[in-house]
Amino acid sequence: MAECILGLCKIPKILEGCLSGSMILYGIGTIVGLKLLTHLMRDMRPLLVTSTKEVVAFQHWLNTQISSTKEFFEDVWAEAKHLYRQEVEKKISILQKQQELLERIRSQLV
């Protein structure tokens, strides 16, 4: 038999096995809690707006820092690639000069 809670002494017999008095109290407590939370949120609105504004400002600052750091490393990468290409071209020109010198020596020996 169902418990007598908040004047709900007679739960229909069909629902008696499915719903207990504590489940009904949980439901009522949830509704009251949501209503209370809504009321508190209205009172806290200025604080929430200020906090959200600070979060947006921090996000903007962080995005700026990330983009400047990304730009810095892209510049470093491009400079390193350029220097590498210059070194490769220098080595190729040295090898070509050595090849030409060897061909001159070979032609003089023959």
N, C-alpha and C. Protein backbone atom coordinates (compact mmCIF):
# COMPACT_ATOMS: atom_id res chain seq x y z
N MET A 1 0.84 -1.19 0.00
CA MET A 1 0.00 0.00 0.00
C MET A 1 0.88 1.24 0.00
N ALA A 2 0.46 2.26 -0.67
CA ALA A 2 1.24 3.48 -0.80
C ALA A 2 1.23 4.27 0.49
N GLU A 3 2.32 5.03 0.70
CA GLU A 3 2.44 5.87 1.89
C GLU A 3 1.57 7.11 1.73
N CYS A 4 1.22 7.73 2.83
CA CYS A 4 0.42 8.94 2.79
C CYS A 4 1.37 10.13 2.85
N ILE A 5 1.58 10.78 1.68
CA ILE A 5 2.52 11.89 1.59
C ILE A 5 1.80 13.07 0.98
N LEU A 6 1.89 14.22 1.64
CA LEU A 6 1.28 15.45 1.16
C LEU A 6 -0.18 15.27 0.75
N GLY A 7 -0.88 14.52 1.52
CA GLY A 7 -2.30 14.33 1.22
C GLY A 7 -2.55 13.36 0.07
N LEU A 8 -1.53 12.65 -0.38
CA LEU A 8 -1.70 11.68 -1.46
C LEU A 8 -1.83 10.29 -0.86
N CYS A 9 -2.87 10.12 -0.05
CA CYS A 9 -3.03 8.85 0.64
C CYS A 9 -3.55 7.75 -0.27
N LYS A 10 -4.26 8.12 -1.30
CA LYS A 10 -4.86 7.09 -2.13
C LYS A 10 -4.35 7.22 -3.56
N ILE A 11 -3.31 6.47 -3.89
CA ILE A 11 -2.81 6.38 -5.26
C ILE A 11 -3.60 5.25 -5.91
N PRO A 12 -4.07 5.48 -7.11
CA PRO A 12 -4.83 4.39 -7.76
C PRO A 12 -4.02 3.09 -7.78
N LYS A 13 -4.71 1.99 -7.66
CA LYS A 13 -4.06 0.70 -7.55
C LYS A 13 -3.22 0.36 -8.79
N ILE A 14 -3.56 0.89 -9.94
CA ILE A 14 -2.79 0.63 -11.15
C ILE A 14 -1.40 1.25 -11.02
N LEU A 15 -1.34 2.45 -10.45
CA LEU A 15 -0.06 3.16 -10.32
C LEU A 15 0.69 2.80 -9.05
N GLU A 16 0.02 2.08 -8.14
CA GLU A 16 0.63 1.80 -6.84
C GLU A 16 1.95 1.06 -6.96
N GLY A 17 2.06 0.13 -7.89
CA GLY A 17 3.31 -0.63 -8.06
C GLY A 17 4.38 0.17 -8.77
N CYS A 18 3.96 1.15 -9.60
CA CYS A 18 4.92 1.93 -10.39
C CYS A 18 5.44 3.15 -9.64
N LEU A 19 4.57 3.80 -8.93
CA LEU A 19 4.95 5.05 -8.26
C LEU A 19 4.92 4.85 -6.75
N SER A 20 5.98 5.25 -6.10
CA SER A 20 5.97 5.23 -4.65
C SER A 20 5.89 6.67 -4.17
N GLY A 21 5.65 6.84 -2.89
CA GLY A 21 5.55 8.17 -2.33
C GLY A 21 6.85 8.94 -2.46
N SER A 22 7.97 8.25 -2.34
CA SER A 22 9.26 8.93 -2.44
C SER A 22 9.50 9.42 -3.87
N MET A 23 9.02 8.68 -4.86
CA MET A 23 9.17 9.12 -6.25
C MET A 23 8.37 10.39 -6.49
N ILE A 24 7.20 10.47 -5.92
CA ILE A 24 6.38 11.67 -6.06
C ILE A 24 7.09 12.84 -5.40
N LEU A 25 7.67 12.60 -4.21
CA LEU A 25 8.41 13.67 -3.53
C LEU A 25 9.61 14.12 -4.35
N TYR A 26 10.30 13.17 -4.97
CA TYR A 26 11.43 13.55 -5.84
C TYR A 26 10.97 14.44 -6.99
N GLY A 27 9.85 14.10 -7.58
CA GLY A 27 9.30 14.90 -8.68
C GLY A 27 8.93 16.30 -8.23
N ILE A 28 8.25 16.39 -7.08
CA ILE A 28 7.85 17.69 -6.55
C ILE A 28 9.10 18.49 -6.18
N GLY A 29 10.08 17.83 -5.57
CA GLY A 29 11.33 18.51 -5.21
C GLY A 29 12.07 19.04 -6.43
N THR A 30 12.03 18.26 -7.50
CA THR A 30 12.69 18.71 -8.74
C THR A 30 12.01 19.94 -9.29
N ILE A 31 10.70 19.94 -9.32
CA ILE A 31 9.95 21.09 -9.83
C ILE A 31 10.21 22.32 -8.97
N VAL A 32 10.16 22.16 -7.65
CA VAL A 32 10.42 23.29 -6.75
C VAL A 32 11.85 23.77 -6.91
N GLY A 33 12.80 22.84 -7.02
CA GLY A 33 14.20 23.22 -7.20
C GLY A 33 14.42 24.00 -8.49
N LEU A 34 13.80 23.57 -9.59
CA LEU A 34 13.92 24.29 -10.85
C LEU A 34 13.32 25.69 -10.75
N LYS A 35 12.19 25.78 -10.08
CA LYS A 35 11.54 27.09 -9.91
C LYS A 35 12.43 28.00 -9.07
N LEU A 36 13.01 27.47 -8.01
CA LEU A 36 13.90 28.24 -7.14
C LEU A 36 15.17 28.65 -7.89
N LEU A 37 15.71 27.73 -8.68
CA LEU A 37 16.90 28.02 -9.47
C LEU A 37 16.62 29.13 -10.49
N THR A 38 15.47 29.08 -11.12
CA THR A 38 15.09 30.12 -12.07
C THR A 38 15.01 31.47 -11.38
N HIS A 39 14.42 31.50 -10.20
CA HIS A 39 14.31 32.75 -9.45
C HIS A 39 15.70 33.27 -9.06
N LEU A 40 16.57 32.39 -8.61
CA LEU A 40 17.93 32.79 -8.23
C LEU A 40 18.71 33.28 -9.44
N MET A 41 18.51 32.65 -10.58
CA MET A 41 19.23 33.05 -11.80
C MET A 41 18.82 34.45 -12.23
N ARG A 42 17.55 34.80 -12.04
CA ARG A 42 17.12 36.16 -12.37
C ARG A 42 17.83 37.18 -11.49
N ASP A 43 17.99 36.85 -10.20
CA ASP A 43 18.68 37.75 -9.28
C ASP A 43 20.17 37.84 -9.59
N MET A 44 20.74 36.78 -10.12
CA MET A 44 22.18 36.71 -10.38
C MET A 44 22.52 37.16 -11.81
N ARG A 45 21.56 37.62 -12.56
CA ARG A 45 21.78 37.98 -13.96
C ARG A 45 22.93 38.98 -14.17
N PRO A 46 22.99 40.07 -13.42
CA PRO A 46 24.11 41.01 -13.64
C PRO A 46 25.48 40.34 -13.43
N LEU A 47 25.57 39.49 -12.43
CA LEU A 47 26.83 38.79 -12.18
C LEU A 47 27.14 37.83 -13.33
N LEU A 48 26.13 37.13 -13.81
CA LEU A 48 26.33 36.20 -14.92
C LEU A 48 26.74 36.93 -16.19
N VAL A 49 26.13 38.09 -16.44
CA VAL A 49 26.47 38.87 -17.63
C VAL A 49 27.92 39.34 -17.54
N THR A 50 28.32 39.85 -16.37
CA THR A 50 29.70 40.30 -16.18
C THR A 50 30.68 39.15 -16.34
N SER A 51 30.38 38.01 -15.77
CA SER A 51 31.26 36.84 -15.89
C SER A 51 31.37 36.39 -17.34
N THR A 52 30.25 36.37 -18.03
CA THR A 52 30.25 35.96 -19.43
C THR A 52 31.05 36.94 -20.28
N LYS A 53 30.92 38.23 -19.96
CA LYS A 53 31.68 39.26 -20.68
C LYS A 53 33.18 39.03 -20.50
N GLU A 54 33.59 38.68 -19.29
CA GLU A 54 35.01 38.40 -19.02
C GLU A 54 35.48 37.16 -19.77
N VAL A 55 34.63 36.16 -19.86
CA VAL A 55 34.98 34.96 -20.62
C VAL A 55 35.16 35.29 -22.10
N VAL A 56 34.28 36.13 -22.63
CA VAL A 56 34.39 36.54 -24.04
C VAL A 56 35.68 37.33 -24.25
N ALA A 57 36.01 38.23 -23.32
CA ALA A 57 37.24 39.01 -23.43
C ALA A 57 38.47 38.10 -23.37
N PHE A 58 38.45 37.12 -22.48
CA PHE A 58 39.57 36.18 -22.39
C PHE A 58 39.69 35.37 -23.66
N GLN A 59 38.57 34.94 -24.22
CA GLN A 59 38.59 34.17 -25.46
C GLN A 59 39.18 35.02 -26.59
N HIS A 60 38.81 36.28 -26.65
CA HIS A 60 39.35 37.18 -27.69
C HIS A 60 40.86 37.33 -27.50
N TRP A 61 41.31 37.55 -26.27
CA TRP A 61 42.74 37.68 -25.98
C TRP A 61 43.48 36.40 -26.36
N LEU A 62 42.93 35.25 -25.99
CA LEU A 62 43.57 33.98 -26.29
C LEU A 62 43.67 33.75 -27.80
N ASN A 63 42.61 34.06 -28.53
CA ASN A 63 42.65 33.91 -29.99
C ASN A 63 43.71 34.82 -30.60
N THR A 64 43.85 36.03 -30.07
CA THR A 64 44.87 36.96 -30.56
C THR A 64 46.26 36.39 -30.30
N GLN A 65 46.48 35.85 -29.11
CA GLN A 65 47.79 35.28 -28.78
C GLN A 65 48.10 34.07 -29.66
N ILE A 66 47.11 33.25 -29.87
CA ILE A 66 47.31 32.05 -30.70
C ILE A 66 47.64 32.46 -32.13
N SER A 67 46.92 33.44 -32.65
CA SER A 67 47.18 33.84 -34.05
C SER A 67 48.55 34.49 -34.19
N SER A 68 48.97 35.29 -33.21
CA SER A 68 50.30 35.90 -33.32
C SER A 68 51.40 34.84 -33.18
N THR A 69 51.20 33.88 -32.31
CA THR A 69 52.17 32.80 -32.17
C THR A 69 52.23 31.96 -33.44
N LYS A 70 51.08 31.70 -34.03
CA LYS A 70 51.02 30.94 -35.27
C LYS A 70 51.75 31.69 -36.38
N GLU A 71 51.53 33.00 -36.46
CA GLU A 71 52.20 33.81 -37.47
C GLU A 71 53.72 33.79 -37.26
N PHE A 72 54.16 33.87 -36.00
CA PHE A 72 55.59 33.83 -35.70
C PHE A 72 56.21 32.52 -36.20
N PHE A 73 55.57 31.40 -35.89
CA PHE A 73 56.14 30.11 -36.30
C PHE A 73 56.05 29.90 -37.81
N GLU A 74 55.03 30.47 -38.45
CA GLU A 74 54.98 30.40 -39.92
C GLU A 74 56.15 31.17 -40.53
N ASP A 75 56.49 32.32 -39.93
CA ASP A 75 57.64 33.09 -40.41
C ASP A 75 58.94 32.33 -40.21
N VAL A 76 59.08 31.69 -39.04
CA VAL A 76 60.28 30.89 -38.76
C VAL A 76 60.37 29.75 -39.77
N TRP A 77 59.27 29.09 -40.05
CA TRP A 77 59.25 27.97 -40.99
C TRP A 77 59.65 28.44 -42.39
N ALA A 78 59.09 29.56 -42.81
CA ALA A 78 59.41 30.08 -44.15
C ALA A 78 60.88 30.47 -44.24
N GLU A 79 61.41 31.09 -43.21
CA GLU A 79 62.82 31.47 -43.21
C GLU A 79 63.73 30.24 -43.24
N ALA A 80 63.38 29.23 -42.46
CA ALA A 80 64.17 28.00 -42.44
C ALA A 80 64.15 27.32 -43.81
N LYS A 81 62.99 27.28 -44.45
CA LYS A 81 62.89 26.69 -45.80
C LYS A 81 63.75 27.47 -46.80
N HIS A 82 63.71 28.78 -46.69
CA HIS A 82 64.49 29.62 -47.61
C HIS A 82 65.99 29.37 -47.42
N LEU A 83 66.43 29.33 -46.17
CA LEU A 83 67.85 29.08 -45.90
C LEU A 83 68.27 27.69 -46.37
N TYR A 84 67.40 26.71 -46.18
CA TYR A 84 67.70 25.36 -46.64
C TYR A 84 67.87 25.33 -48.16
N ARG A 85 66.96 25.99 -48.87
CA ARG A 85 67.05 26.03 -50.33
C ARG A 85 68.34 26.72 -50.78
N GLN A 86 68.71 27.79 -50.10
CA GLN A 86 69.96 28.48 -50.44
C GLN A 86 71.16 27.56 -50.26
N GLU A 87 71.17 26.80 -49.15
CA GLU A 87 72.28 25.87 -48.91
C GLU A 87 72.32 24.79 -49.98
N VAL A 88 71.17 24.27 -50.36
CA VAL A 88 71.13 23.23 -51.39
C VAL A 88 71.64 23.79 -52.72
N GLU A 89 71.19 25.00 -53.07
CA GLU A 89 71.65 25.62 -54.32
C GLU A 89 73.15 25.88 -54.28
N LYS A 90 73.67 26.28 -53.14
CA LYS A 90 75.11 26.52 -52.99
C LYS A 90 75.89 25.21 -53.16
N LYS A 91 75.40 24.14 -52.55
CA LYS A 91 76.06 22.84 -52.68
C LYS A 91 76.03 22.36 -54.13
N ILE A 92 74.90 22.59 -54.80
CA ILE A 92 74.78 22.18 -56.21
C ILE A 92 75.78 22.96 -57.06
N SER A 93 75.88 24.27 -56.82
CA SER A 93 76.83 25.07 -57.61
C SER A 93 78.27 24.64 -57.33
N ILE A 94 78.60 24.31 -56.10
CA ILE A 94 79.95 23.82 -55.78
C ILE A 94 80.22 22.50 -56.51
N LEU A 95 79.22 21.61 -56.48
CA LEU A 95 79.39 20.32 -57.18
C LEU A 95 79.55 20.52 -58.69
N GLN A 96 78.81 21.47 -59.25
CA GLN A 96 78.94 21.74 -60.69
C GLN A 96 80.33 22.29 -61.01
N LYS A 97 80.84 23.19 -60.16
CA LYS A 97 82.18 23.74 -60.38
C LYS A 97 83.24 22.65 -60.27
N GLN A 98 83.06 21.75 -59.29
CA GLN A 98 84.00 20.64 -59.16
C GLN A 98 83.95 19.74 -60.39
N GLN A 99 82.74 19.51 -60.88
CA GLN A 99 82.58 18.67 -62.08
C GLN A 99 83.28 19.32 -63.27
N GLU A 100 83.09 20.63 -63.44
CA GLU A 100 83.74 21.35 -64.55
C GLU A 100 85.27 21.29 -64.41
N LEU A 101 85.76 21.46 -63.21
CA LEU A 101 87.20 21.42 -62.96
C LEU A 101 87.75 20.03 -63.28
N LEU A 102 87.03 18.99 -62.86
CA LEU A 102 87.47 17.64 -63.16
C LEU A 102 87.47 17.37 -64.66
N GLU A 103 86.47 17.90 -65.37
CA GLU A 103 86.43 17.71 -66.82
C GLU A 103 87.59 18.45 -67.50
N ARG A 104 87.95 19.64 -67.02
CA ARG A 104 89.11 20.36 -67.59
C ARG A 104 90.40 19.59 -67.36
N ILE A 105 90.53 19.08 -66.15
CA ILE A 105 91.76 18.30 -65.85
C ILE A 105 91.80 17.05 -66.72
N ARG A 106 90.68 16.40 -66.87
CA ARG A 106 90.62 15.20 -67.69
C ARG A 106 90.95 15.51 -69.15
N SER A 107 90.42 16.62 -69.67
CA SER A 107 90.69 16.98 -71.07
C SER A 107 92.17 17.35 -71.27
N GLN A 108 92.80 17.93 -70.26
CA GLN A 108 94.23 18.29 -70.37
C GLN A 108 95.11 17.04 -70.30
N LEU A 109 94.65 16.02 -69.57
CA LEU A 109 95.44 14.79 -69.44
C LEU A 109 95.34 13.92 -70.69
N VAL A 110 94.29 14.03 -71.42
CA VAL A 110 94.12 13.19 -72.60
C VAL A 110 94.70 13.76 -73.80
